[in-house]
Each structure stands twice: as C-alpha cells, then as structure tokens.
C-alpha cells in the first residue's frame, strides 16, 4: 500500500466552494480532485520543460528556425 501524508493549506473560501462543486459533479472527493489537479499540473510543467529542451537542441543543431 502506498504511504500518504496529510497536510493542510490555506485557501480562499470562494475557491474551496468551486473545488467542492467540481468534485461533486465529478463524483470525487475533494482530496481526489485536488490530487488529480496537482498531478496534471506537474505533468504539464514537466512536458513543457522537455519540449523547450528539445526545441533548444534542434535550434542549436540548425534544424529549427525562428520562423
């Protein structure tokens, strides 16, 4: 079984309300929704960084122009 850690954050009431509504519509718990959102955010940031590196390498090799 995967070990988990509980922690707390401060969040505006309005955003918490939106999170709760979205979780309810998706039939998920608040925790599940936030966990999925964090995972998606991290994956997207990593992919963006990877693509930047690839573009940089291609540009340095002359295989990619600025246009």
Protein backbone atom coordinates (compact mmCIF):
# COMPACT_ATOMS: atom_id res chain seq x y z
CA UNK A 1 0.00 0.00 0.00
CA UNK A 2 1.22 3.49 -0.85
CA UNK A 3 2.08 5.64 2.11
CA UNK A 4 0.36 9.01 2.29
CA UNK A 5 0.96 12.18 4.25
CA UNK A 6 -1.68 14.57 5.45
CA UNK A 7 -1.01 18.31 5.33
CA UNK A 8 -3.05 21.46 5.37
CA UNK A 9 -3.20 24.55 3.17
CA UNK A 10 -4.96 27.87 3.36
CA UNK A 11 -7.33 28.56 0.50
CA UNK A 12 -9.89 31.25 -0.20
CA UNK A 13 -13.50 30.34 0.59
CA UNK A 14 -14.63 31.02 -2.97
CA UNK A 15 -12.02 28.70 -4.46
CA UNK A 16 -12.87 25.99 -1.94
CA UNK A 17 -16.52 26.29 -2.93
CA UNK A 18 -15.57 25.85 -6.60
CA UNK A 19 -13.41 22.83 -5.73
CA UNK A 20 -16.23 21.23 -3.78
CA UNK A 21 -18.77 21.85 -6.55
CA UNK A 22 -16.41 20.44 -9.18
CA UNK A 23 -15.62 17.40 -7.05
CA UNK A 24 -19.31 16.72 -6.50
CA UNK A 25 -20.05 16.97 -10.23
CA UNK A 26 -17.20 14.54 -10.96
CA UNK A 27 -18.32 12.16 -8.16
CA UNK A 28 -14.93 12.55 -6.47
CA UNK A 29 -13.78 13.60 -3.07
CA UNK A 30 -12.13 16.96 -2.55
CA UNK A 31 -8.85 15.13 -1.95
CA UNK A 32 -9.12 13.13 -5.18
CA UNK A 33 -9.88 16.24 -7.23
CA UNK A 34 -7.00 18.26 -5.77
CA UNK A 35 -4.59 15.33 -6.09
CA UNK A 36 -5.51 14.86 -9.78
CA UNK A 37 -5.14 18.59 -10.42
CA UNK A 38 -1.70 18.71 -8.82
CA UNK A 39 -0.53 15.64 -10.75
CA UNK A 40 -1.81 17.11 -14.03
CA UNK A 41 -0.14 20.44 -13.32
CA UNK A 42 3.21 18.80 -12.59
CA UNK A 43 2.99 16.57 -15.67
CA UNK A 44 2.20 19.56 -17.89
CA UNK A 45 5.08 21.61 -16.46
CA UNK A 46 7.49 18.71 -16.99
CA UNK A 47 6.30 18.21 -20.57
CA UNK A 48 6.65 21.91 -21.31
CA UNK A 49 10.20 21.87 -19.94
CA UNK A 50 11.02 18.77 -22.01
CA UNK A 51 9.65 20.36 -25.19
CA UNK A 52 11.65 23.53 -24.56
CA UNK A 53 14.82 21.44 -24.23
CA UNK A 54 14.08 19.57 -27.47
CA UNK A 55 13.40 22.83 -29.33
CA UNK A 56 16.58 24.32 -27.91
CA UNK A 57 18.64 21.33 -29.04
CA UNK A 58 17.10 21.40 -32.51
CA UNK A 59 17.74 25.13 -32.79
CA UNK A 60 21.38 24.71 -31.75
CA UNK A 61 21.77 21.97 -34.36
CA UNK A 62 20.31 24.26 -37.03
CA UNK A 63 17.31 22.02 -37.52
CA UNK A 64 14.83 24.61 -36.27
CA UNK A 65 14.48 28.23 -37.37
CA UNK A 66 12.90 31.14 -35.54
CA UNK A 67 10.06 31.42 -38.05
